């Protein structure tokens, strides 16, 4: 399961609250009855992402370029994207 958390220029009222990601990931795991690994892709800082990074079996990933990260996100069996992010939209396409 991969999650794209867009913060960068989405800070403030445009950013989806971090707690929404935590709640959504916990709900998905509860529904499937398994602590699937979570791969976090984001332009946010570790401090901003800490509530998600603290989840069991969660790992922040980057493959060194936006294109490589986009390709990795596109291979996710389950993708949780950021509302309004074209990066998330391309990954889901």
Protein backbone atom coordinates (compact mmCIF):
# COMPACT_ATOMS: atom_id res chain seq x y z
CA UNK A 1 0.00 0.00 0.00
CA UNK A 2 1.45 3.35 -1.03
CA UNK A 3 0.48 6.83 0.04
CA UNK A 4 1.35 10.14 -1.63
CA UNK A 5 1.16 13.03 0.81
CA UNK A 6 1.47 16.34 -0.99
CA UNK A 7 2.46 19.19 1.29
CA UNK A 8 4.91 21.54 -0.49
CA UNK A 9 2.72 24.24 -2.00
CA UNK A 10 -0.41 22.66 -0.47
CA UNK A 11 0.42 23.81 3.07
CA UNK A 12 -2.33 25.47 5.02
CA UNK A 13 -5.96 25.14 4.02
CA UNK A 14 -5.28 23.25 0.75
CA UNK A 15 -3.41 20.35 2.35
CA UNK A 16 -5.28 17.26 3.43
CA UNK A 17 -4.77 16.93 7.20
CA UNK A 18 -2.15 14.32 8.16
CA UNK A 19 -4.65 12.73 10.54
CA UNK A 20 -6.88 11.90 7.55
CA UNK A 21 -4.09 9.71 6.13
CA UNK A 22 -3.55 8.03 9.51
CA UNK A 23 -7.27 7.31 9.88
CA UNK A 24 -7.60 6.05 6.30
CA UNK A 25 -4.57 3.75 6.54
CA UNK A 26 -5.75 2.35 9.87
CA UNK A 27 -9.25 1.76 8.46
CA UNK A 28 -7.91 -0.06 5.40
CA UNK A 29 -5.69 -2.25 7.55
CA UNK A 30 -8.57 -3.00 9.88
CA UNK A 31 -10.85 -3.89 6.98
CA UNK A 32 -8.37 -6.35 5.46
CA UNK A 33 -7.19 -7.69 8.83
CA UNK A 34 -3.51 -7.31 7.99
CA UNK A 35 -0.79 -4.73 8.72
CA UNK A 36 0.26 -4.32 5.11
CA UNK A 37 3.47 -2.36 4.60
CA UNK A 38 2.91 1.35 3.98
CA UNK A 39 5.23 3.15 1.59
CA UNK A 40 5.14 6.91 2.07
CA UNK A 41 6.03 9.30 -0.75
CA UNK A 42 5.97 12.99 0.08
CA UNK A 43 7.57 16.38 -0.33
CA UNK A 44 6.94 17.05 3.37
CA UNK A 45 9.49 16.90 6.15
CA UNK A 46 9.89 13.91 8.46
CA UNK A 47 8.48 16.08 11.26
CA UNK A 48 5.34 16.88 9.28
CA UNK A 49 4.89 13.21 8.34
CA UNK A 50 5.64 11.75 11.78
CA UNK A 51 2.03 10.71 12.56
CA UNK A 52 2.03 8.50 9.44
CA UNK A 53 5.64 7.38 9.81
CA UNK A 54 4.86 6.13 13.35
CA UNK A 55 2.37 3.59 12.03
CA UNK A 56 3.61 0.00 12.22
CA UNK A 57 5.45 -1.21 9.13
CA UNK A 58 5.52 2.28 7.55
CA UNK A 59 8.52 3.39 5.52
CA UNK A 60 9.28 6.64 3.76
CA UNK A 61 10.60 6.05 0.27
CA UNK A 62 12.16 8.01 -2.54
CA UNK A 63 13.94 6.69 -5.57
CA UNK A 64 15.92 9.87 -6.24
CA UNK A 65 13.72 11.53 -8.84
CA UNK A 66 10.11 12.54 -9.25
CA UNK A 67 9.75 10.28 -12.27
CA UNK A 68 11.05 7.22 -10.41
CA UNK A 69 8.76 7.99 -7.46
CA UNK A 70 5.80 8.41 -9.82
CA UNK A 71 6.53 5.03 -11.44
CA UNK A 72 6.79 3.37 -8.01
CA UNK A 73 3.46 4.87 -6.93
CA UNK A 74 1.86 3.68 -10.17
CA UNK A 75 2.77 0.07 -9.27
CA UNK A 76 0.96 0.16 -5.91
CA UNK A 77 -1.83 -2.36 -5.40
CA UNK A 78 -3.52 0.24 -3.19
CA UNK A 79 -2.76 3.93 -3.68
CA UNK A 80 -3.90 6.70 -1.38
CA UNK A 81 -3.32 10.02 -3.08
CA UNK A 82 -3.55 13.67 -2.20
CA UNK A 83 -6.69 15.54 -3.22
CA UNK A 84 -5.99 18.03 -5.98
CA UNK A 85 -2.50 16.70 -6.70
CA UNK A 86 -1.78 16.01 -10.36
CA UNK A 87 1.16 13.88 -9.19
CA UNK A 88 -1.27 11.56 -7.38
CA UNK A 89 -3.58 11.62 -10.38
CA UNK A 90 -0.80 10.56 -12.76
CA UNK A 91 0.26 7.81 -10.37
CA UNK A 92 -3.27 6.43 -10.29
CA UNK A 93 -3.60 6.60 -14.07
